Amino acid sequence: HFANARKVFAEYDADTYPPLDISNDKHFVPVYEIYCSTLQDWDGTLGALMVKAFDEVSTTHNAIKLFDVFEIYLGRPIIEHDIRPKYKELMFMFHSELISTFAVFDEFDGTDCINKPPPRHRNMPPYSGACLWAQGLPDRSTEHSERLQAICSRELEPEDGRRIMADP
């Protein structure tokens, strides 16, 4: 695709007509139509690439990073059409991650930090290490929740989106 892009840009650079001359419609319109068609092809390829990359992602964090990287392109109609079904998958991915986070938190309820301590750094004392670990769980979820709300703002309006964000 890079070779095709270079070829298309070389063709546009080779044109000698003045681009601001609106009286030359016979030359401008066909070149513009080829340009728009080429952009649509590239958008379709980029949309397919994003869908494939999303399907390969295994964590909510990486999926959010993927949307952050391609954020500038998400407003294009062809790309948005391709990636739109993935918004719901991203919300359910986040929901299942929240459920597993709560399960881990419930496993270490804090009543017996000596015999059943939560995960912590080796050199941390049991109680302060437990507190630090417990504070880290909501911090991770809050960061993902804020990014998810920004990415999926249109998708969070329906009932599914409200249920996912309200019911951990």
Protein backbone atom coordinates (compact mmCIF):
# COMPACT_ATOMS: atom_id res chain seq x y z
CA HIS A 1 0.00 0.00 0.00
CA PHE A 2 2.91 2.33 0.61
CA ALA A 3 4.00 1.93 -3.03
CA ASN A 4 0.45 2.73 -4.17
CA ALA A 5 0.38 5.82 -1.96
CA ARG A 6 3.67 7.05 -3.39
CA LYS A 7 2.34 6.48 -6.93
CA VAL A 8 -0.87 8.44 -6.26
CA PHE A 9 1.01 11.35 -4.66
CA ALA A 10 3.49 11.35 -7.56
CA GLU A 11 0.59 11.63 -10.02
CA TYR A 12 -0.82 14.63 -8.12
CA ASP A 13 2.60 16.27 -8.01
CA ALA A 14 3.02 15.75 -11.75
CA ASP A 15 -0.14 17.71 -12.61
CA THR A 16 0.77 21.10 -13.97
CA TYR A 17 -2.60 22.85 -13.93
CA PRO A 18 -3.07 25.50 -11.23
CA PRO A 19 -5.16 23.90 -8.45
CA LEU A 20 -6.98 27.15 -7.66
CA ASP A 21 -8.18 27.61 -11.26
CA ILE A 22 -11.86 26.66 -11.01
CA SER A 23 -12.41 27.14 -14.74
CA ASN A 24 -10.49 23.92 -15.45
CA ASP A 25 -13.25 21.53 -14.27
CA LYS A 26 -12.57 19.01 -17.03
CA HIS A 27 -9.22 18.19 -15.49
CA PHE A 28 -9.90 18.74 -11.80
CA VAL A 29 -13.07 16.65 -11.35
CA PRO A 30 -11.64 13.32 -12.64
CA VAL A 31 -8.46 13.76 -10.60
CA TYR A 32 -10.49 14.63 -7.52
CA GLU A 33 -12.74 11.56 -7.99
CA ILE A 34 -9.68 9.30 -8.25
CA TYR A 35 -8.29 10.92 -5.11
CA CYS A 36 -11.55 10.36 -3.16
CA SER A 37 -11.76 6.77 -4.37
CA THR A 38 -8.18 6.14 -3.29
CA LEU A 39 -8.87 7.61 0.16
CA GLN A 40 -11.93 5.38 0.54
CA ASP A 41 -9.85 2.33 -0.35
CA TRP A 42 -7.24 3.31 2.23
CA ASP A 43 -9.91 3.94 4.85
CA GLY A 44 -11.36 0.49 4.18
CA THR A 45 -7.92 -1.08 4.55
CA LEU A 46 -7.25 0.86 7.76
CA GLY A 47 -10.66 -0.12 9.16
CA ALA A 48 -9.98 -3.80 8.43
CA LEU A 49 -6.55 -3.46 10.05
CA MET A 50 -8.08 -1.93 13.19
CA VAL A 51 -10.68 -4.70 13.42
CA LYS A 52 -7.99 -7.36 13.04
CA ALA A 53 -5.79 -5.65 15.65
CA PHE A 54 -8.72 -5.42 18.07
CA ASP A 55 -9.47 -9.12 17.61
CA GLU A 56 -5.86 -9.92 18.56
CA VAL A 57 -5.88 -7.77 21.74
CA SER A 58 -6.27 -9.69 24.99
CA THR A 59 -6.70 -6.97 27.65
CA THR A 60 -8.83 -3.88 28.09
CA HIS A 61 -5.70 -1.79 28.57
CA ASN A 62 -4.30 -2.81 25.18
CA ALA A 63 -7.66 -2.33 23.47
CA ILE A 64 -7.90 1.20 24.86
CA LYS A 65 -4.35 1.89 23.66
CA LEU A 66 -5.38 0.69 20.19
CA PHE A 67 -8.30 3.13 20.13
CA ASP A 68 -6.01 5.90 21.38
CA VAL A 69 -3.51 5.27 18.58
CA PHE A 70 -6.18 5.34 15.87
CA GLU A 71 -8.33 8.02 17.51
CA ILE A 72 -7.73 10.57 14.76
CA TYR A 73 -9.18 8.19 12.15
CA LEU A 74 -12.27 7.05 14.07
CA GLY A 75 -14.39 9.92 12.70
CA ARG A 76 -14.07 8.74 9.11
CA PRO A 77 -17.33 7.09 8.01
CA ILE A 78 -15.83 3.93 6.48
CA ILE A 79 -13.55 3.30 9.44
CA GLU A 80 -16.33 4.06 11.92
CA HIS A 81 -18.61 1.59 10.14
CA ASP A 82 -15.96 -1.14 10.42
CA ILE A 83 -15.01 -0.50 14.05
CA ARG A 84 -18.47 0.31 15.46
CA PRO A 85 -19.28 -3.30 16.56
CA LYS A 86 -16.04 -3.37 18.53
CA TYR A 87 -17.21 -0.63 20.91
CA LYS A 88 -19.70 -3.01 22.51
CA GLU A 89 -17.03 -5.73 22.71
CA LEU A 90 -14.72 -3.24 24.42
CA MET A 91 -17.40 -2.39 26.99
CA PHE A 92 -18.03 -6.08 27.74
CA MET A 93 -14.26 -6.67 27.96
CA PHE A 94 -14.05 -3.91 30.57
CA HIS A 95 -17.08 -5.31 32.40
CA SER A 96 -15.54 -8.79 32.66
CA GLU A 97 -12.26 -7.27 33.83
CA LEU A 98 -14.13 -5.38 36.55
CA ILE A 99 -15.82 -8.57 37.69
CA SER A 100 -12.48 -10.40 37.88
CA THR A 101 -10.96 -7.44 39.79
CA PHE A 102 -13.76 -7.60 42.36
CA ALA A 103 -13.30 -11.36 42.65
CA VAL A 104 -9.59 -10.88 43.39
CA PHE A 105 -10.42 -8.16 45.90
CA ASP A 106 -13.01 -10.37 47.63
CA GLU A 107 -10.51 -13.24 47.81
CA PHE A 108 -8.28 -11.11 50.03
CA ASP A 109 -10.90 -9.52 52.26
CA GLY A 110 -8.35 -8.06 54.68
CA THR A 111 -9.47 -9.91 57.79
CA ASP A 112 -6.30 -12.02 57.96
CA CYS A 113 -3.38 -10.17 56.37
CA ILE A 114 -0.82 -12.36 58.16
CA ASN A 115 -2.00 -15.86 57.19
CA LYS A 116 -3.63 -14.92 53.87
CA PRO A 117 -1.89 -11.73 52.69
CA PRO A 118 -2.83 -10.05 49.42
CA PRO A 119 -0.19 -9.70 46.70
CA ARG A 120 2.38 -7.05 47.60
CA HIS A 121 6.01 -6.11 47.06
CA ARG A 122 8.52 -8.31 48.88
CA ASN A 123 9.81 -5.59 51.14
CA MET A 124 6.42 -4.10 52.11
CA PRO A 125 5.01 -4.67 55.60
CA PRO A 126 1.83 -6.74 55.63
CA TYR A 127 -0.75 -4.08 56.50
CA SER A 128 0.59 -1.12 54.53
CA GLY A 129 1.33 -3.46 51.60
CA ALA A 130 -2.27 -4.67 51.75
CA CYS A 131 -3.53 -1.08 51.78
CA LEU A 132 -1.36 -0.12 48.84
CA TRP A 133 -2.52 -3.17 46.89
CA ALA A 134 -6.17 -2.41 47.67
CA GLN A 135 -5.80 1.22 46.57
CA GLY A 136 -4.24 0.11 43.28
CA LEU A 137 -7.28 -1.90 42.19
CA PRO A 138 -9.76 1.00 41.92
CA ASP A 139 -7.07 3.26 40.46
CA ARG A 140 -6.60 0.89 37.52
CA SER A 141 -10.34 0.52 36.97
CA THR A 142 -11.00 4.26 37.23
CA GLU A 143 -8.40 5.07 34.57
CA HIS A 144 -9.87 2.51 32.19
CA SER A 145 -13.42 3.67 32.94
CA GLU A 146 -12.61 7.29 32.10
CA ARG A 147 -10.90 6.35 28.82
CA LEU A 148 -13.73 3.97 27.93
CA GLN A 149 -16.31 6.70 28.47
CA ALA A 150 -14.35 9.02 26.18
CA ILE A 151 -13.91 6.38 23.47
CA CYS A 152 -17.43 4.95 23.57
CA SER A 153 -19.38 8.13 24.34
CA ARG A 154 -22.02 7.42 21.66
CA GLU A 155 -22.29 3.77 22.64
CA LEU A 156 -22.83 4.45 26.34
CA GLU A 157 -26.21 6.06 25.72
CA PRO A 158 -28.15 2.81 25.14
CA GLU A 159 -29.22 0.54 27.99
CA ASP A 160 -26.28 -1.88 27.56
CA GLY A 161 -23.73 0.89 28.04
CA ARG A 162 -25.41 2.27 31.15
CA ARG A 163 -25.72 -1.22 32.64
CA ILE A 164 -22.06 -2.05 31.98
CA MET A 165 -20.77 1.18 33.50
CA ALA A 166 -23.12 1.05 36.53
CA ASP A 167 -22.92 -2.66 37.43
CA PRO A 168 -19.42 -3.82 38.32
